[in-house]
N, C-alpha and C. Protein backbone atom coordinates (compact mmCIF):
# COMPACT_ATOMS: atom_id res chain seq x y z
N MET A 1 126.97 124.90 184.56
CA MET A 1 126.07 125.32 183.85
C MET A 1 126.24 126.62 183.16
N ALA A 2 126.03 126.64 181.88
CA ALA A 2 126.27 127.69 181.02
C ALA A 2 125.66 128.93 181.53
N ARG A 3 126.11 130.23 181.40
CA ARG A 3 125.10 131.44 181.75
C ARG A 3 124.41 131.80 180.49
N LYS A 4 123.26 132.26 180.80
CA LYS A 4 122.48 132.73 179.26
C LYS A 4 123.12 134.23 178.96
N MET A 5 123.15 134.04 177.66
CA MET A 5 123.67 135.53 177.00
C MET A 5 122.41 136.48 176.92
N SER A 6 122.86 137.93 177.14
CA SER A 6 121.97 138.72 176.70
C SER A 6 121.42 139.16 175.44
N ALA A 7 120.34 139.85 175.21
CA ALA A 7 120.27 140.17 173.83
C ALA A 7 121.07 140.85 172.97
N GLU A 8 122.03 141.87 174.02
CA GLU A 8 123.02 142.38 173.30
C GLU A 8 124.16 141.58 172.98
N GLU A 9 124.60 140.43 173.86
CA GLU A 9 125.37 139.52 173.76
C GLU A 9 125.22 138.64 172.11
N TYR A 10 124.00 138.24 172.06
CA TYR A 10 123.50 137.61 171.21
C TYR A 10 123.94 138.22 169.66
N GLN A 11 123.26 139.70 169.90
CA GLN A 11 123.43 140.69 168.69
C GLN A 11 124.75 140.85 168.26
N ALA A 12 125.76 141.20 169.14
CA ALA A 12 127.18 141.26 169.15
C ALA A 12 127.79 140.17 168.20
N LEU A 13 127.57 138.85 168.84
CA LEU A 13 128.08 137.77 168.32
C LEU A 13 127.66 137.41 166.74
N GLY A 14 126.23 137.63 166.59
CA GLY A 14 125.61 137.58 165.48
C GLY A 14 126.18 138.65 164.37
N ARG A 15 126.47 139.66 164.69
CA ARG A 15 126.88 140.79 164.08
C ARG A 15 128.55 140.47 163.51
N GLU A 16 129.22 139.74 164.44
CA GLU A 16 130.54 139.37 163.98
C GLU A 16 130.47 138.13 163.06
N TYR A 17 129.58 137.34 163.03
CA TYR A 17 129.27 136.28 162.13
C TYR A 17 128.94 136.76 160.57
N TYR A 18 128.21 138.03 160.83
CA TYR A 18 127.85 138.43 159.37
C TYR A 18 128.67 139.10 159.01
N LYS A 19 129.56 139.96 159.58
CA LYS A 19 130.88 140.55 159.06
C LYS A 19 131.70 139.84 158.47
N LEU A 20 131.90 138.21 159.03
CA LEU A 20 132.70 137.33 158.47
C LEU A 20 132.00 136.25 157.26
N LYS A 21 130.87 137.10 156.97
CA LYS A 21 129.94 136.57 155.88
C LYS A 21 129.84 134.89 156.25
N GLN A 22 129.41 134.45 157.45
CA GLN A 22 128.99 133.55 158.03
C GLN A 22 127.53 133.54 158.34
N TYR A 23 126.82 133.80 157.22
CA TYR A 23 125.40 134.06 157.34
C TYR A 23 124.53 133.01 158.26
N GLU A 24 125.00 131.66 157.81
CA GLU A 24 124.20 130.81 158.68
C GLU A 24 124.47 130.62 159.98
N LYS A 25 125.57 130.85 160.43
CA LYS A 25 125.97 130.88 161.87
C LYS A 25 125.22 132.27 162.18
N ALA A 26 125.38 133.34 161.71
CA ALA A 26 124.51 134.69 162.07
C ALA A 26 122.86 134.34 162.56
N VAL A 27 122.38 133.82 161.33
CA VAL A 27 120.98 133.63 161.44
C VAL A 27 120.49 132.79 162.83
N GLU A 28 121.58 131.67 163.04
CA GLU A 28 121.20 130.81 164.11
C GLU A 28 121.61 131.58 165.63
N THR A 29 122.28 132.43 165.30
CA THR A 29 122.62 133.32 166.76
C THR A 29 121.41 134.29 167.07
N PHE A 30 121.41 134.99 165.84
CA PHE A 30 119.93 136.05 165.94
C PHE A 30 118.68 135.29 166.09
N THR A 31 118.60 134.42 165.88
CA THR A 31 117.24 133.42 166.35
C THR A 31 117.24 132.88 167.75
N SER A 32 118.59 132.61 168.32
CA SER A 32 118.79 132.09 169.42
C SER A 32 118.48 133.44 170.66
N GLY A 33 118.94 134.63 170.18
CA GLY A 33 118.43 135.77 170.72
C GLY A 33 117.39 135.95 170.81
N ILE A 34 116.55 135.89 169.69
CA ILE A 34 115.12 136.36 169.72
C ILE A 34 114.31 135.32 170.59
N GLU A 35 114.77 133.98 170.62
CA GLU A 35 114.06 132.96 171.31
C GLU A 35 114.30 133.62 172.98
N ALA A 36 115.45 133.91 173.45
CA ALA A 36 115.75 134.18 174.73
C ALA A 36 115.04 135.90 175.37
N CYS A 37 115.26 136.43 174.12
CA CYS A 37 114.55 137.85 174.35
C CYS A 37 114.46 138.75 173.00
N PRO A 38 113.32 138.73 172.55
CA PRO A 38 113.15 139.12 171.45
C PRO A 38 112.92 140.88 171.31
N THR A 39 114.04 141.34 170.33
CA THR A 39 113.79 142.67 170.38
C THR A 39 114.08 142.93 168.89
N ALA A 40 113.35 144.43 168.54
CA ALA A 40 113.43 144.74 167.20
C ALA A 40 114.68 144.55 166.41
N SER A 41 115.65 145.06 167.15
CA SER A 41 117.13 144.97 166.63
C SER A 41 117.48 143.57 166.22
N LEU A 42 117.12 142.45 167.01
CA LEU A 42 117.79 141.23 167.04
C LEU A 42 116.96 140.85 165.32
N TYR A 43 115.58 141.33 165.20
CA TYR A 43 114.59 140.89 164.15
C TYR A 43 115.35 141.70 162.93
N ASP A 44 115.92 143.00 163.38
CA ASP A 44 116.52 143.59 162.02
C ASP A 44 117.71 142.94 161.50
N TYR A 45 118.40 142.57 162.20
CA TYR A 45 119.91 142.03 162.06
C TYR A 45 119.41 140.65 161.32
N ARG A 46 118.53 140.00 162.07
CA ARG A 46 118.11 138.54 161.26
C ARG A 46 117.49 138.83 159.86
N ALA A 47 117.00 139.59 159.60
CA ALA A 47 116.33 140.12 158.52
C ALA A 47 117.24 140.58 157.59
N ALA A 48 118.40 141.23 157.84
CA ALA A 48 119.35 141.72 156.79
C ALA A 48 120.12 140.69 156.66
N THR A 49 120.13 139.35 157.49
CA THR A 49 121.04 138.38 157.26
C THR A 49 120.34 137.44 156.14
N TYR A 50 119.39 137.40 156.58
CA TYR A 50 118.00 136.61 155.48
C TYR A 50 118.31 137.28 153.97
N GLU A 51 118.20 138.60 153.94
CA GLU A 51 118.57 139.23 152.71
C GLU A 51 119.78 138.52 151.82
N LYS A 52 120.98 138.94 152.55
CA LYS A 52 122.06 138.33 152.31
C LYS A 52 121.87 137.06 151.62
N LEU A 53 121.10 136.26 152.24
CA LEU A 53 121.17 134.78 152.05
C LEU A 53 119.82 134.41 150.57
N GLU A 54 119.45 135.73 150.51
CA GLU A 54 118.45 135.84 149.47
C GLU A 54 116.93 134.88 149.80
N ASN A 55 116.72 134.80 151.15
CA ASN A 55 115.55 134.40 151.85
C ASN A 55 114.51 135.47 152.00
N PHE A 56 114.15 135.97 151.18
CA PHE A 56 113.54 137.19 151.11
C PHE A 56 112.14 137.08 151.84
N ASN A 57 111.36 135.61 151.99
CA ASN A 57 110.27 135.54 152.40
C ASN A 57 110.55 135.54 154.08
N ALA A 58 111.39 134.96 154.38
CA ALA A 58 111.90 135.33 155.99
C ALA A 58 112.49 136.72 156.39
N SER A 59 113.08 137.41 155.52
CA SER A 59 113.45 138.69 155.64
C SER A 59 112.04 139.68 155.84
N VAL A 60 111.32 139.66 155.05
CA VAL A 60 109.78 140.21 155.32
C VAL A 60 109.29 140.00 156.62
N LYS A 61 109.27 138.66 156.68
CA LYS A 61 108.52 138.22 157.81
C LYS A 61 109.07 138.95 158.94
N ASP A 62 110.30 138.84 159.21
CA ASP A 62 111.20 139.53 160.34
C ASP A 62 110.91 141.00 160.31
N GLY A 63 110.90 141.80 158.95
CA GLY A 63 110.49 143.23 158.94
C GLY A 63 109.33 143.53 159.67
N ARG A 64 108.18 142.70 159.27
CA ARG A 64 107.04 142.65 159.76
C ARG A 64 106.70 142.63 161.57
N GLU A 65 107.81 141.67 161.82
CA GLU A 65 107.76 141.76 163.01
C GLU A 65 108.10 142.61 163.91
N MET A 66 109.25 143.69 163.24
CA MET A 66 109.94 144.57 163.82
C MET A 66 108.75 145.93 163.80
N ILE A 67 108.11 146.01 162.73
CA ILE A 67 106.99 146.71 162.69
C ILE A 67 105.85 146.59 164.00
N ARG A 68 105.67 145.36 164.31
CA ARG A 68 104.75 144.91 165.14
C ARG A 68 105.13 145.12 166.80
N LEU A 69 106.41 144.91 166.78
CA LEU A 69 107.12 145.14 168.06
C LEU A 69 107.10 146.88 168.48
N ASN A 70 107.38 147.52 167.52
CA ASN A 70 107.36 149.27 167.46
C ASN A 70 107.14 149.85 166.33
N LYS A 71 105.74 150.20 166.37
CA LYS A 71 105.20 150.81 165.11
C LYS A 71 105.76 152.16 164.96
N LYS A 72 106.49 152.92 165.73
CA LYS A 72 107.12 154.17 165.71
C LYS A 72 108.24 154.44 165.02
N ASP A 73 109.00 153.06 164.90
CA ASP A 73 110.30 152.87 164.32
C ASP A 73 110.46 152.61 162.94
N VAL A 74 111.16 153.75 162.32
CA VAL A 74 111.11 153.71 160.94
C VAL A 74 111.83 152.64 160.24
N LYS A 75 112.85 151.78 160.66
CA LYS A 75 113.41 150.80 160.45
C LYS A 75 112.66 149.56 159.99
N GLY A 76 112.02 149.39 160.33
CA GLY A 76 111.10 148.18 160.09
C GLY A 76 110.24 148.25 158.78
N TYR A 77 109.78 149.55 158.34
CA TYR A 77 109.08 149.78 157.22
C TYR A 77 110.27 150.02 156.43
N LEU A 78 111.24 150.40 156.39
CA LEU A 78 112.24 150.56 155.66
C LEU A 78 112.69 149.27 155.15
N ARG A 79 112.92 148.57 156.07
CA ARG A 79 113.77 147.04 155.62
C ARG A 79 112.82 146.34 154.91
N THR A 80 111.29 146.18 155.33
CA THR A 80 110.31 145.36 154.72
C THR A 80 109.87 145.89 153.40
N ALA A 81 109.89 147.21 153.27
CA ALA A 81 109.68 147.82 151.96
C ALA A 81 110.57 147.34 150.90
N SER A 82 111.93 147.61 151.24
CA SER A 82 112.89 147.53 150.49
C SER A 82 113.02 146.06 149.74
N VAL A 83 112.78 145.21 150.85
CA VAL A 83 112.98 143.75 150.45
C VAL A 83 111.89 143.27 149.52
N LEU A 84 110.44 144.11 149.78
CA LEU A 84 109.47 144.01 148.97
C LEU A 84 109.91 144.33 147.58
N GLU A 85 110.48 145.22 147.68
CA GLU A 85 110.77 146.02 146.17
C GLU A 85 111.81 144.88 145.58
N LYS A 86 112.80 144.11 146.09
CA LYS A 86 113.46 143.40 145.50
C LYS A 86 112.73 141.95 145.03
N MET A 87 111.48 141.66 145.66
CA MET A 87 110.76 140.92 145.39
C MET A 87 109.94 141.15 144.24
N GLU A 88 109.91 142.44 143.45
CA GLU A 88 109.28 142.82 142.56
C GLU A 88 107.54 143.20 142.94
N LYS A 89 107.35 143.26 144.14
CA LYS A 89 106.12 143.34 144.84
C LYS A 89 105.95 145.09 145.27
N PRO A 90 106.06 145.98 144.14
CA PRO A 90 105.99 147.23 144.43
C PRO A 90 104.76 147.95 145.11
N GLU A 91 103.43 147.34 144.66
CA GLU A 91 102.51 147.75 145.28
C GLU A 91 102.48 147.64 146.76
N THR A 92 102.82 146.34 147.09
CA THR A 92 102.88 146.03 148.54
C THR A 92 103.87 146.59 149.19
N ALA A 93 105.06 147.32 148.54
CA ALA A 93 105.91 147.84 149.07
C ALA A 93 105.62 149.52 149.65
N LEU A 94 104.92 149.83 148.31
CA LEU A 94 104.14 151.31 148.71
C LEU A 94 103.34 151.23 149.75
N GLY A 95 102.46 150.12 149.87
CA GLY A 95 101.61 150.24 150.98
C GLY A 95 102.51 150.24 152.42
N ILE A 96 103.56 149.42 152.46
CA ILE A 96 104.19 149.45 153.83
C ILE A 96 104.69 150.94 154.10
N TYR A 97 105.12 151.57 153.00
CA TYR A 97 105.75 152.96 153.07
C TYR A 97 104.72 153.75 153.38
N LYS A 98 103.34 153.88 152.96
CA LYS A 98 102.13 154.56 153.64
C LYS A 98 101.86 154.24 155.15
N TYR A 99 101.97 153.18 155.11
CA TYR A 99 101.42 152.44 156.55
C TYR A 99 102.67 153.14 157.69
N GLY A 100 104.00 152.95 157.31
CA GLY A 100 104.96 153.64 158.09
C GLY A 100 104.99 155.21 158.01
N MET A 101 104.27 156.03 157.23
CA MET A 101 104.19 157.40 157.29
C MET A 101 103.18 157.81 158.23
N LYS A 102 102.10 156.75 158.24
CA LYS A 102 101.14 157.01 159.35
C LYS A 102 101.32 157.08 160.93
N ASN A 103 102.31 155.84 161.18
CA ASN A 103 102.72 155.54 162.53
C ASN A 103 104.18 156.39 162.70
N VAL A 104 105.05 156.75 161.93
CA VAL A 104 106.51 157.11 162.27
C VAL A 104 106.06 158.78 162.60
N PRO A 105 106.56 159.11 163.69
CA PRO A 105 106.70 160.51 164.07
C PRO A 105 107.26 161.45 162.94
N VAL A 106 106.41 162.33 162.40
CA VAL A 106 107.12 163.75 161.52
C VAL A 106 108.66 163.86 162.17
N ASP A 107 108.84 164.10 163.14
CA ASP A 107 110.14 164.63 163.68
C ASP A 107 111.17 163.53 163.71
N ASP A 108 110.88 162.38 163.30
CA ASP A 108 111.80 161.21 163.40
C ASP A 108 112.82 161.44 162.42
N LYS A 109 114.18 161.58 163.07
CA LYS A 109 115.43 161.90 161.97
C LYS A 109 115.40 161.11 160.66
N ASN A 110 114.55 160.08 160.45
CA ASN A 110 114.37 159.14 159.40
C ASN A 110 113.37 159.42 158.38
N PHE A 111 112.36 160.15 159.07
CA PHE A 111 111.04 160.24 158.63
C PHE A 111 111.07 160.77 156.86
N LYS A 112 111.98 161.60 156.55
CA LYS A 112 112.52 162.07 155.45
C LYS A 112 112.43 160.89 154.57
N VAL A 113 113.64 160.20 155.01
CA VAL A 113 114.24 158.54 154.30
C VAL A 113 112.90 158.04 153.71
N LEU A 114 111.88 157.72 154.65
CA LEU A 114 110.56 157.12 154.67
C LEU A 114 109.70 157.91 153.40
N ARG A 115 109.57 159.08 153.63
CA ARG A 115 109.03 159.86 152.41
C ARG A 115 109.31 159.82 151.29
N ARG A 116 110.84 159.98 151.08
CA ARG A 116 111.40 160.06 149.77
C ARG A 116 111.27 158.49 149.08
N ARG A 117 111.44 157.12 149.72
CA ARG A 117 111.06 156.26 149.56
C ARG A 117 109.83 155.73 149.10
N ARG A 118 109.06 156.44 149.45
CA ARG A 118 107.43 156.26 149.21
C ARG A 118 107.34 156.76 147.83
N SER A 119 108.00 158.04 147.89
CA SER A 119 107.55 158.82 146.43
C SER A 119 108.37 158.21 145.10
N SER A 120 109.61 157.38 145.65
CA SER A 120 109.96 156.77 144.57
C SER A 120 109.32 155.68 144.04
N ALA A 121 108.70 155.27 145.18
CA ALA A 121 107.87 153.74 144.84
C ALA A 121 106.71 154.05 144.08
N SER A 122 105.92 155.31 144.42
CA SER A 122 104.83 155.74 143.66
C SER A 122 105.23 156.04 142.33
N LYS A 123 106.14 156.59 141.94
CA LYS A 123 106.74 157.13 140.46
C LYS A 123 106.89 155.60 140.01
N CYS A 124 107.45 154.49 140.18
CA CYS A 124 107.68 153.19 139.73
C CYS A 124 106.32 152.62 139.72
N GLU A 125 105.51 152.81 140.63
CA GLU A 125 104.31 152.11 140.05
C GLU A 125 103.12 152.89 138.96
N ILE A 126 103.51 153.97 138.95
CA ILE A 126 102.90 154.84 137.92
C ILE A 126 103.21 154.28 136.50
N SER A 127 104.71 154.21 136.51
CA SER A 127 105.36 154.02 135.12
C SER A 127 105.06 152.59 134.87
N ASN A 128 104.66 151.69 135.74
CA ASN A 128 104.44 150.33 135.25
C ASN A 128 103.13 150.01 134.82
């Protein structure tokens, strides 16, 4: 009987497929990892892979799941909002940035990135 892999092992294998640009295999591997043990990191890697495959809806869905799993982690907000911007949905992206600023601790090392992205998204919205 085959032994089950850990979330870390699925993540490492999926990242190898990603580096080799074997994105379909990477998605399958990250999905298997999520089914075995869902973590924000696995959702993040799968979201990045979906983004490479230009499956933006799936990428946003995974980004939102990252936020649901850990509201204090800036990565879910940054991932989700950046993909929404690629989808030309600046108002929704701005809302995600604002929501992140309410939930991510100000002393988080990436809070400034979140604030900077929110500011630039606000400027884009004003110019539209």
